[in-house]
Amino acid sequence: MNKEEIEKIIFNSLKQIAPDTEPSKLSPDENIRETLGIDSFDFLQFIVSLDEKLNLEIPEQDYGKITTLNSLIIYLTQKIK
């Protein structure tokens, strides 16, 4: 799976939990939760959605590693290999 496919899944998942936002306009280094106004429950829903769509498990201790779009893409790329 390439970076563009991962981004598409991320954006679709974010749009599902925060329909009034425009995730595709996130800059790579912006904090996803702060920029889109996502609370902790919605963030958890987002992570569960990624787990299901990518058939992987993101452990809770890794949540702090995936705060920006860039860090999330890098993290997911490494997990998918």
Protein backbone atom coordinates (compact mmCIF):
# COMPACT_ATOMS: atom_id res chain seq x y z
CA MET A 1 0.00 0.00 0.00
CA ASN A 2 1.47 3.36 -1.00
CA LYS A 3 1.37 6.75 0.71
CA GLU A 4 -1.52 8.05 -1.41
CA GLU A 5 -3.69 5.02 -0.58
CA ILE A 6 -2.95 5.44 3.13
CA GLU A 7 -3.77 9.17 2.95
CA LYS A 8 -7.09 8.41 1.27
CA ILE A 9 -8.03 5.97 4.03
CA ILE A 10 -6.97 8.49 6.70
CA PHE A 11 -8.99 11.31 5.11
CA ASN A 12 -12.06 9.10 4.66
CA SER A 13 -11.87 7.94 8.26
CA LEU A 14 -11.47 11.50 9.54
CA LYS A 15 -14.38 12.67 7.41
CA GLN A 16 -16.58 9.97 8.95
CA ILE A 17 -15.90 11.11 12.52
CA ALA A 18 -15.68 14.83 11.78
CA PRO A 19 -17.99 15.43 8.79
CA ASP A 20 -17.85 19.23 9.08
CA THR A 21 -14.08 19.32 8.57
CA GLU A 22 -11.83 19.18 5.53
CA PRO A 23 -9.07 16.68 6.47
CA SER A 24 -7.41 16.89 3.05
CA LYS A 25 -6.39 20.47 3.87
CA LEU A 26 -4.32 19.38 6.87
CA SER A 27 -0.67 20.29 6.53
CA PRO A 28 1.71 17.40 7.23
CA ASP A 29 2.89 18.78 10.59
CA GLU A 30 -0.40 20.05 12.03
CA ASN A 31 -1.80 18.26 15.06
CA ILE A 32 -4.79 16.31 13.73
CA ARG A 33 -6.89 16.53 16.88
CA GLU A 34 -6.26 20.21 17.54
CA THR A 35 -6.66 21.36 13.95
CA LEU A 36 -9.88 19.44 13.30
CA GLY A 37 -11.27 19.88 16.82
CA ILE A 38 -11.48 16.15 17.49
CA ASP A 39 -12.03 15.07 21.10
CA SER A 40 -10.52 11.94 22.65
CA PHE A 41 -13.61 9.80 21.99
CA ASP A 42 -13.68 10.77 18.29
CA PHE A 43 -9.94 10.16 18.05
CA LEU A 44 -10.45 6.67 19.44
CA GLN A 45 -13.20 6.09 16.86
CA PHE A 46 -10.77 7.27 14.18
CA ILE A 47 -8.10 4.81 15.36
CA VAL A 48 -10.61 1.94 15.44
CA SER A 49 -11.67 2.84 11.90
CA LEU A 50 -8.04 2.74 10.72
CA ASP A 51 -7.52 -0.59 12.49
CA GLU A 52 -10.50 -2.07 10.68
CA LYS A 53 -9.78 -0.61 7.24
CA LEU A 54 -6.08 -1.49 7.31
CA ASN A 55 -6.46 -4.79 9.15
CA LEU A 56 -3.99 -3.92 11.88
CA GLU A 57 -3.93 -2.92 15.52
CA ILE A 58 -2.61 0.38 16.79
CA PRO A 59 -1.81 -0.09 20.49
CA GLU A 60 -2.84 2.65 22.89
CA GLN A 61 0.77 3.34 23.86
CA ASP A 62 1.44 4.40 20.25
CA TYR A 63 -1.29 7.08 20.12
CA GLY A 64 1.22 9.76 21.15
CA LYS A 65 3.38 8.87 18.13
CA ILE A 66 0.61 9.63 15.62
CA THR A 67 -0.40 13.20 16.35
CA THR A 68 0.30 14.72 12.93
CA LEU A 69 -0.64 13.61 9.44
CA ASN A 70 3.01 13.02 8.60
CA SER A 71 3.71 10.97 11.74
CA LEU A 72 0.55 8.92 11.16
CA ILE A 73 1.46 8.13 7.55
CA ILE A 74 5.00 7.09 8.54
CA TYR A 75 3.66 4.98 11.42
CA LEU A 76 1.06 3.23 9.25
CA THR A 77 3.53 2.63 6.42
CA GLN A 78 5.86 0.86 8.86
CA LYS A 79 3.03 -1.17 10.42
CA ILE A 80 1.64 -2.33 7.07
CA LYS A 81 4.96 -3.75 5.80
